[in-house]
Amino acid sequence: MRWRQACSRWLIDGGRERGFEVDEHSLSVDAYTQHRGKGDKLRFSSVDFSGDMTVFDAAKLGAALTQGVGHAKAFGCGLLLVRRVG
């Protein structure tokens, strides 16, 4: 599906800017939903990702964890849940 590819690319490209690299082989993209408010003025998408990543810049990842990612943070999107493997 095209939306899976677009969402994967968004996370992979954004991860590099935020201090982590996504393992594309472990990446799962699910629960894609387009949200619309009244009329067409408010629109955003949400998606659930899971998979493995490697951190190469802890400070940048820390900022992403505390500030969130994406444009819909005001609507509860952009939160990252990260845990150590093992």
PDB file of N, CA and C in Angstrom:
ATOM      1  N   MET A   1       0.830  -1.176   0.000  1.00  0.00           N
ATOM      2  CA  MET A   1       0.000   0.000   0.000  1.00  0.00           C
ATOM      3  C   MET A   1       0.873   1.237   0.000  1.00  0.00           C
ATOM      4  N   ARG A   2       0.447   2.228  -0.731  1.00  0.00           N
ATOM      5  CA  ARG A   2       1.238   3.454  -0.861  1.00  0.00           C
ATOM      6  C   ARG A   2       1.410   4.196   0.452  1.00  0.00           C
ATOM      7  N   TRP A   3       0.360   4.220   1.281  1.00  0.00           N
ATOM      8  CA  TRP A   3       0.463   4.968   2.526  1.00  0.00           C
ATOM      9  C   TRP A   3       1.512   4.373   3.452  1.00  0.00           C
ATOM     10  N   ARG A   4       1.678   3.048   3.400  1.00  0.00           N
ATOM     11  CA  ARG A   4       2.725   2.416   4.231  1.00  0.00           C
ATOM     12  C   ARG A   4       4.108   2.886   3.793  1.00  0.00           C
ATOM     13  N   GLN A   5       4.328   2.952   2.493  1.00  0.00           N
ATOM     14  CA  GLN A   5       5.620   3.407   1.984  1.00  0.00           C
ATOM     15  C   GLN A   5       5.863   4.866   2.357  1.00  0.00           C
ATOM     16  N   ALA A   6       4.839   5.700   2.223  1.00  0.00           N
ATOM     17  CA  ALA A   6       4.986   7.126   2.553  1.00  0.00           C
ATOM     18  C   ALA A   6       5.256   7.309   4.046  1.00  0.00           C
ATOM     19  N   CYS A   7       4.542   6.579   4.885  1.00  0.00           N
ATOM     20  CA  CYS A   7       4.748   6.679   6.329  1.00  0.00           C
ATOM     21  C   CYS A   7       6.133   6.171   6.726  1.00  0.00           C
ATOM     22  N   SER A   8       6.556   5.072   6.135  1.00  0.00           N
ATOM     23  CA  SER A   8       7.895   4.526   6.413  1.00  0.00           C
ATOM     24  C   SER A   8       8.962   5.535   6.043  1.00  0.00           C
ATOM     25  N   ARG A   9       8.832   6.134   4.876  1.00  0.00           N
ATOM     26  CA  ARG A   9       9.817   7.125   4.420  1.00  0.00           C
ATOM     27  C   ARG A   9       9.844   8.307   5.367  1.00  0.00           C
ATOM     28  N   TRP A  10       8.668   8.743   5.842  1.00  0.00           N
ATOM     29  CA  TRP A  10       8.588   9.873   6.773  1.00  0.00           C
ATOM     30  C   TRP A  10       9.369   9.564   8.049  1.00  0.00           C
ATOM     31  N   LEU A  11       9.175   8.366   8.611  1.00  0.00           N
ATOM     32  CA  LEU A  11       9.866   8.002   9.846  1.00  0.00           C
ATOM     33  C   LEU A  11      11.362   7.825   9.621  1.00  0.00           C
ATOM     34  N   ILE A  12      11.733   7.172   8.548  1.00  0.00           N
ATOM     35  CA  ILE A  12      13.156   6.930   8.264  1.00  0.00           C
ATOM     36  C   ILE A  12      13.896   8.246   8.054  1.00  0.00           C
ATOM     37  N   ASP A  13      13.341   9.116   7.229  1.00  0.00           N
ATOM     38  CA  ASP A  13      13.989  10.413   6.978  1.00  0.00           C
ATOM     39  C   ASP A  13      14.005  11.271   8.237  1.00  0.00           C
ATOM     40  N   GLY A  14      12.881  11.299   8.963  1.00  0.00           N
ATOM     41  CA  GLY A  14      12.811  12.087  10.191  1.00  0.00           C
ATOM     42  C   GLY A  14      13.698  11.544  11.288  1.00  0.00           C
ATOM     43  N   GLY A  15      13.872  10.227  11.311  1.00  0.00           N
ATOM     44  CA  GLY A  15      14.736   9.613  12.313  1.00  0.00           C
ATOM     45  C   GLY A  15      16.167  10.080  12.193  1.00  0.00           C
ATOM     46  N   ARG A  16      16.639  10.194  10.981  1.00  0.00           N
ATOM     47  CA  ARG A  16      18.019  10.665  10.775  1.00  0.00           C
ATOM     48  C   ARG A  16      18.206  12.066  11.340  1.00  0.00           C
ATOM     49  N   GLU A  17      17.177  12.907  11.202  1.00  0.00           N
ATOM     50  CA  GLU A  17      17.246  14.273  11.742  1.00  0.00           C
ATOM     51  C   GLU A  17      17.134  14.284  13.264  1.00  0.00           C
ATOM     52  N   ARG A  18      16.561  13.217  13.823  1.00  0.00           N
ATOM     53  CA  ARG A  18      16.298  13.164  15.260  1.00  0.00           C
ATOM     54  C   ARG A  18      17.235  12.226  16.009  1.00  0.00           C
ATOM     55  N   GLY A  19      18.308  11.802  15.367  1.00  0.00           N
ATOM     56  CA  GLY A  19      19.350  11.060  16.070  1.00  0.00           C
ATOM     57  C   GLY A  19      19.199   9.560  16.098  1.00  0.00           C
ATOM     58  N   PHE A  20      18.338   8.986  15.257  1.00  0.00           N
ATOM     59  CA  PHE A  20      18.219   7.535  15.227  1.00  0.00           C
ATOM     60  C   PHE A  20      18.045   7.029  13.802  1.00  0.00           C
ATOM     61  N   GLU A  21      18.400   5.769  13.645  1.00  0.00           N
ATOM     62  CA  GLU A  21      18.259   5.095  12.353  1.00  0.00           C
ATOM     63  C   GLU A  21      17.324   3.909  12.533  1.00  0.00           C
ATOM     64  N   VAL A  22      16.331   3.810  11.652  1.00  0.00           N
ATOM     65  CA  VAL A  22      15.321   2.754  11.726  1.00  0.00           C
ATOM     66  C   VAL A  22      15.788   1.526  10.954  1.00  0.00           C
ATOM     67  N   ASP A  23      15.618   0.358  11.546  1.00  0.00           N
ATOM     68  CA  ASP A  23      15.864  -0.895  10.839  1.00  0.00           C
ATOM     69  C   ASP A  23      14.635  -1.175   9.972  1.00  0.00           C
ATOM     70  N   GLU A  24      14.758  -0.941   8.685  1.00  0.00           N
ATOM     71  CA  GLU A  24      13.620  -1.059   7.771  1.00  0.00           C
ATOM     72  C   GLU A  24      13.026  -2.460   7.743  1.00  0.00           C
ATOM     73  N   HIS A  25      13.832  -3.479   7.988  1.00  0.00           N
ATOM     74  CA  HIS A  25      13.340  -4.857   7.941  1.00  0.00           C
ATOM     75  C   HIS A  25      12.434  -5.190   9.132  1.00  0.00           C
ATOM     76  N   SER A  26      12.610  -4.492  10.233  1.00  0.00           N
ATOM     77  CA  SER A  26      11.787  -4.754  11.414  1.00  0.00           C
ATOM     78  C   SER A  26      10.599  -3.793  11.523  1.00  0.00           C
ATOM     79  N   LEU A  27      10.541  -2.804  10.651  1.00  0.00           N
ATOM     80  CA  LEU A  27       9.533  -1.745  10.750  1.00  0.00           C
ATOM     81  C   LEU A  27       8.140  -2.252  10.380  1.00  0.00           C
ATOM     82  N   SER A  28       7.197  -1.991  11.275  1.00  0.00           N
ATOM     83  CA  SER A  28       5.789  -2.301  11.047  1.00  0.00           C
ATOM     84  C   SER A  28       5.017  -0.988  11.081  1.00  0.00           C
ATOM     85  N   VAL A  29       4.141  -0.784  10.102  1.00  0.00           N
ATOM     86  CA  VAL A  29       3.356   0.440   9.988  1.00  0.00           C
ATOM     87  C   VAL A  29       1.885   0.034   9.992  1.00  0.00           C
ATOM     88  N   ASP A  30       1.160   0.479  11.018  1.00  0.00           N
ATOM     89  CA  ASP A  30      -0.232   0.057  11.186  1.00  0.00           C
ATOM     90  C   ASP A  30      -1.114   1.217  11.622  1.00  0.00           C
ATOM     91  N   ALA A  31      -2.414   0.972  11.595  1.00  0.00           N
ATOM     92  CA  ALA A  31      -3.435   1.864  12.160  1.00  0.00           C
ATOM     93  C   ALA A  31      -3.415   3.261  11.546  1.00  0.00           C
ATOM     94  N   TYR A  32      -3.163   3.348  10.255  1.00  0.00           N
ATOM     95  CA  TYR A  32      -3.185   4.649   9.580  1.00  0.00           C
ATOM     96  C   TYR A  32      -4.611   5.194   9.578  1.00  0.00           C
ATOM     97  N   THR A  33      -4.758   6.420  10.046  1.00  0.00           N
ATOM     98  CA  THR A  33      -6.072   7.057  10.087  1.00  0.00           C
ATOM     99  C   THR A  33      -5.942   8.510   9.674  1.00  0.00           C
ATOM    100  N   GLN A  34      -6.842   8.960   8.813  1.00  0.00           N
ATOM    101  CA  GLN A  34      -6.921  10.378   8.482  1.00  0.00           C
ATOM    102  C   GLN A  34      -8.027  10.989   9.322  1.00  0.00           C
ATOM    103  N   HIS A  35      -7.692  12.058  10.017  1.00  0.00           N
ATOM    104  CA  HIS A  35      -8.639  12.741  10.892  1.00  0.00           C
ATOM    105  C   HIS A  35      -9.046  14.050  10.234  1.00  0.00           C
ATOM    106  N   ARG A  36     -10.330  14.369  10.343  1.00  0.00           N
ATOM    107  CA  ARG A  36     -10.830  15.612   9.767  1.00  0.00           C
ATOM    108  C   ARG A  36     -11.711  16.301  10.790  1.00  0.00           C
ATOM    109  N   GLY A  37     -11.540  17.593  10.869  1.00  0.00           N
ATOM    110  CA  GLY A  37     -12.413  18.379  11.734  1.00  0.00           C
ATOM    111  C   GLY A  37     -13.629  18.819  10.941  1.00  0.00           C
ATOM    112  N   LYS A  38     -14.321  19.786  11.459  1.00  0.00           N
ATOM    113  CA  LYS A  38     -15.477  20.333  10.745  1.00  0.00           C
ATOM    114  C   LYS A  38     -14.993  21.019   9.476  1.00  0.00           C
ATOM    115  N   GLY A  39     -15.612  20.676   8.379  1.00  0.00           N
ATOM    116  CA  GLY A  39     -15.157  21.218   7.109  1.00  0.00           C
ATOM    117  C   GLY A  39     -13.861  20.556   6.693  1.00  0.00           C
ATOM    118  N   ASP A  40     -13.125  21.201   5.829  1.00  0.00           N
ATOM    119  CA  ASP A  40     -11.860  20.648   5.349  1.00  0.00           C
ATOM    120  C   ASP A  40     -10.650  21.406   5.879  1.00  0.00           C
ATOM    121  N   LYS A  41     -10.850  22.310   6.827  1.00  0.00           N
ATOM    122  CA  LYS A  41      -9.736  23.128   7.300  1.00  0.00           C
ATOM    123  C   LYS A  41      -8.786  22.379   8.220  1.00  0.00           C
ATOM    124  N   LEU A  42      -9.300  21.432   8.999  1.00  0.00           N
ATOM    125  CA  LEU A  42      -8.460  20.687   9.931  1.00  0.00           C
ATOM    126  C   LEU A  42      -8.338  19.255   9.445  1.00  0.00           C
ATOM    127  N   ARG A  43      -7.117  18.877   9.051  1.00  0.00           N
ATOM    128  CA  ARG A  43      -6.858  17.520   8.588  1.00  0.00           C
ATOM    129  C   ARG A  43      -5.464  17.106   9.032  1.00  0.00           C
ATOM    130  N   PHE A  44      -5.367  15.903   9.576  1.00  0.00           N
ATOM    131  CA  PHE A  44      -4.066  15.335   9.892  1.00  0.00           C
ATOM    132  C   PHE A  44      -4.198  13.825   9.915  1.00  0.00           C
ATOM    133  N   SER A  45      -3.080  13.150   9.838  1.00  0.00           N
ATOM    134  CA  SER A  45      -3.056  11.687   9.834  1.00  0.00           C
ATOM    135  C   SER A  45      -2.310  11.191  11.061  1.00  0.00           C
ATOM    136  N   SER A  46      -2.692  10.000  11.522  1.00  0.00           N
ATOM    137  CA  SER A  46      -1.951   9.342  12.591  1.00  0.00           C
ATOM    138  C   SER A  46      -1.636   7.922  12.148  1.00  0.00           C
ATOM    139  N   VAL A  47      -0.560   7.388  12.700  1.00  0.00           N
ATOM    140  CA  VAL A  47      -0.108   6.052  12.328  1.00  0.00           C
ATOM    141  C   VAL A  47       0.677   5.469  13.500  1.00  0.00           C
ATOM    142  N   ASP A  48       0.649   4.150  13.640  1.00  0.00           N
ATOM    143  CA  ASP A  48       1.425   3.467  14.673  1.00  0.00           C
ATOM    144  C   ASP A  48       2.603   2.762  14.022  1.00  0.00           C
ATOM    145  N   PHE A  49       3.792   3.012  14.552  1.00  0.00           N
ATOM    146  CA  PHE A  49       5.010   2.359  14.087  1.00  0.00           C
ATOM    147  C   PHE A  49       5.525   1.435  15.185  1.00  0.00           C
ATOM    148  N   SER A  50       6.133   0.333  14.801  1.00  0.00           N
ATOM    149  CA  SER A  50       6.911  -0.464  15.746  1.00  0.00           C
ATOM    150  C   SER A  50       8.084  -1.063  14.981  1.00  0.00           C
ATOM    151  N   GLY A  51       9.167  -1.290  15.700  1.00  0.00           N
ATOM    152  CA  GLY A  51      10.356  -1.844  15.068  1.00  0.00           C
ATOM    153  C   GLY A  51      11.594  -1.499  15.869  1.00  0.00           C
ATOM    154  N   ASP A  52      12.727  -1.798  15.301  1.00  0.00           N
ATOM    155  CA  ASP A  52      14.016  -1.563  15.959  1.00  0.00           C
ATOM    156  C   ASP A  52      14.685  -0.323  15.379  1.00  0.00           C
ATOM    157  N   MET A  53      15.421   0.360  16.247  1.00  0.00           N
ATOM    158  CA  MET A  53      16.187   1.518  15.802  1.00  0.00           C
ATOM    159  C   MET A  53      17.516   1.544  16.534  1.00  0.00           C
ATOM    160  N   THR A  54      18.462   2.234  15.942  1.00  0.00           N
ATOM    161  CA  THR A  54      19.770   2.436  16.540  1.00  0.00           C
ATOM    162  C   THR A  54      19.944   3.924  16.789  1.00  0.00           C
ATOM    163  N   VAL A  55      20.301   4.287  18.002  1.00  0.00           N
ATOM    164  CA  VAL A  55      20.503   5.689  18.370  1.00  0.00           C
ATOM    165  C   VAL A  55      21.946   6.064  18.082  1.00  0.00           C
ATOM    166  N   PHE A  56      22.132   7.148  17.320  1.00  0.00           N
ATOM    167  CA  PHE A  56      23.493   7.632  17.077  1.00  0.00           C
ATOM    168  C   PHE A  56      23.711   9.029  17.639  1.00  0.00           C
ATOM    169  N   ASP A  57      22.662   9.701  18.093  1.00  0.00           N
ATOM    170  CA  ASP A  57      22.796  11.008  18.738  1.00  0.00           C
ATOM    171  C   ASP A  57      21.762  11.076  19.862  1.00  0.00           C
ATOM    172  N   ALA A  58      22.199  10.776  21.080  1.00  0.00           N
ATOM    173  CA  ALA A  58      21.289  10.697  22.219  1.00  0.00           C
ATOM    174  C   ALA A  58      20.635  12.036  22.536  1.00  0.00           C
ATOM    175  N   ALA A  59      21.344  13.128  22.334  1.00  0.00           N
ATOM    176  CA  ALA A  59      20.778  14.448  22.621  1.00  0.00           C
ATOM    177  C   ALA A  59      19.615  14.763  21.679  1.00  0.00           C
ATOM    178  N   LYS A  60      19.777  14.464  20.395  1.00  0.00           N
ATOM    179  CA  LYS A  60      18.692  14.707  19.436  1.00  0.00           C
ATOM    180  C   LYS A  60      17.495  13.806  19.723  1.00  0.00           C
ATOM    181  N   LEU A  61      17.754  12.553  20.052  1.00  0.00           N
ATOM    182  CA  LEU A  61      16.651  11.656  20.389  1.00  0.00           C
ATOM    183  C   LEU A  61      15.955  12.140  21.656  1.00  0.00           C
ATOM    184  N   GLY A  62      16.722  12.588  22.628  1.00  0.00           N
ATOM    185  CA  GLY A  62      16.131  13.112  23.858  1.00  0.00           C
ATOM    186  C   GLY A  62      15.193  14.279  23.591  1.00  0.00           C
ATOM    187  N   ALA A  63      15.586  15.162  22.682  1.00  0.00           N
ATOM    188  CA  ALA A  63      14.723  16.285  22.314  1.00  0.00           C
ATOM    189  C   ALA A  63      13.441  15.789  21.654  1.00  0.00           C
ATOM    190  N   ALA A  64      13.547  14.785  20.787  1.00  0.00           N
ATOM    191  CA  ALA A  64      12.363  14.230  20.127  1.00  0.00           C
ATOM    192  C   ALA A  64      11.437  13.558  21.137  1.00  0.00           C
ATOM    193  N   LEU A  65      12.010  12.915  22.142  1.00  0.00           N
ATOM    194  CA  LEU A  65      11.199  12.257  23.161  1.00  0.00           C
ATOM    195  C   LEU A  65      10.443  13.266  24.019  1.00  0.00           C
ATOM    196  N   THR A  66      11.052  14.378  24.328  1.00  0.00           N
ATOM    197  CA  THR A  66      10.401  15.364  25.199  1.00  0.00           C
ATOM    198  C   THR A  66       9.509  16.333  24.430  1.00  0.00           C
ATOM    199  N   GLN A  67       9.844  16.611  23.163  1.00  0.00           N
ATOM    200  CA  GLN A  67       9.078  17.583  22.381  1.00  0.00           C
ATOM    201  C   GLN A  67       8.081  16.938  21.435  1.00  0.00           C
ATOM    202  N   GLY A  68       8.225  15.653  21.157  1.00  0.00           N
ATOM    203  CA  GLY A  68       7.354  14.978  20.195  1.00  0.00           C
ATOM    204  C   GLY A  68       7.825  15.204  18.773  1.00  0.00           C
ATOM    205  N   VAL A  69       7.156  14.552  17.834  1.00  0.00           N
ATOM    206  CA  VAL A  69       7.512  14.659  16.416  1.00  0.00           C
ATOM    207  C   VAL A  69       6.251  14.910  15.599  1.00  0.00           C
ATOM    208  N   GLY A  70       6.413  15.479  14.439  1.00  0.00           N
ATOM    209  CA  GLY A  70       5.286  15.700  13.537  1.00  0.00           C
ATOM    210  C   GLY A  70       4.552  16.993  13.828  1.00  0.00           C
ATOM    211  N   HIS A  71       3.482  17.218  13.048  1.00  0.00           N
ATOM    212  CA  HIS A  71       2.758  18.491  13.104  1.00  0.00           C
ATOM    213  C   HIS A  71       1.475  18.431  13.926  1.00  0.00           C
ATOM    214  N   ALA A  72       1.076  17.263  14.394  1.00  0.00           N
ATOM    215  CA  ALA A  72      -0.210  17.142  15.088  1.00  0.00           C
ATOM    216  C   ALA A  72      -0.036  16.887  16.584  1.00  0.00           C
ATOM    217  N   LYS A  73       1.024  17.418  17.170  1.00  0.00           N
ATOM    218  CA  LYS A  73       1.281  17.186  18.595  1.00  0.00           C
ATOM    219  C   LYS A  73       0.150  17.749  19.469  1.00  0.00           C
ATOM    220  N   ALA A  74      -0.466  18.819  19.043  1.00  0.00           N
ATOM    221  CA  ALA A  74      -1.557  19.418  19.813  1.00  0.00           C
ATOM    222  C   ALA A  74      -2.763  18.492  19.914  1.00  0.00           C
ATOM    223  N   PHE A  75      -2.820  17.484  19.066  1.00  0.00           N
ATOM    224  CA  PHE A  75      -3.929  16.542  19.059  1.00  0.00           C
ATOM    225  C   PHE A  75      -3.540  15.190  19.652  1.00  0.00           C
ATOM    226  N   GLY A  76      -2.430  15.157  20.376  1.00  0.00           N
ATOM    227  CA  GLY A  76      -1.993  13.929  21.037  1.00  0.00           C
ATOM    228  C   GLY A  76      -1.161  13.013  20.165  1.00  0.00           C
ATOM    229  N   CYS A  77      -0.768  13.480  19.012  1.00  0.00           N
ATOM    230  CA  CYS A  77       0.073  12.683  18.116  1.00  0.00           C
ATOM    231  C   CYS A  77       1.538  13.048  18.338  1.00  0.00           C
ATOM    232  N   GLY A  78       2.433  12.248  17.778  1.00  0.00           N
ATOM    233  CA  GLY A  78       3.850  12.561  17.823  1.00  0.00           C
ATOM    234  C   GLY A  78       4.579  12.066  19.052  1.00  0.00           C
ATOM    235  N   LEU A  79       3.930  11.226  19.848  1.00  0.00           N
ATOM    236  CA  LEU A  79       4.581  10.693  21.035  1.00  0.00           C
ATOM    237  C   LEU A  79       5.403   9.467  20.669  1.00  0.00           C
ATOM    238  N   LEU A  80       6.564   9.331  21.287  1.00  0.00           N
ATOM    239  CA  LEU A  80       7.431   8.187  21.032  1.00  0.00           C
ATOM    240  C   LEU A  80       7.551   7.352  22.301  1.00  0.00           C
ATOM    241  N   LEU A  81       7.346   6.068  22.167  1.00  0.00           N
ATOM    242  CA  LEU A  81       7.576   5.116  23.247  1.00  0.00           C
ATOM    243  C   LEU A  81       8.791   4.297  22.848  1.00  0.00           C
ATOM    244  N   VAL A  82       9.855   4.426  23.614  1.00  0.00           N
ATOM    245  CA  VAL A  82      11.118   3.781  23.277  1.00  0.00           C
ATOM    246  C   VAL A  82      11.554   2.944  24.461  1.00  0.00           C
ATOM    247  N   ARG A  83      11.997   1.735  24.175  1.00  0.00           N
ATOM    248  CA  ARG A  83      12.547   0.892  25.240  1.00  0.00           C
ATOM    249  C   ARG A  83      13.760   0.152  24.726  1.00  0.00           C
ATOM    250  N   ARG A  84      14.615  -0.174  25.656  1.00  0.00           N
ATOM    251  CA  ARG A  84      15.863  -0.877  25.350  1.00  0.00           C
ATOM    252  C   ARG A  84      15.547  -2.326  24.968  1.00  0.00           C
ATOM    253  N   VAL A  85      16.269  -2.840  24.005  1.00  0.00           N
ATOM    254  CA  VAL A  85      16.106  -4.232  23.599  1.00  0.00           C
ATOM    255  C   VAL A  85      16.675  -5.136  24.680  1.00  0.00           C
ATOM    256  N   GLY A  86      15.965  -6.227  24.962  1.00  0.00           N
ATOM    257  CA  GLY A  86      16.508  -7.210  25.892  1.00  0.00           C
ATOM    258  C   GLY A  86      15.986  -7.163  27.245  1.00  0.00           C
TER     259      GLY A  86
END
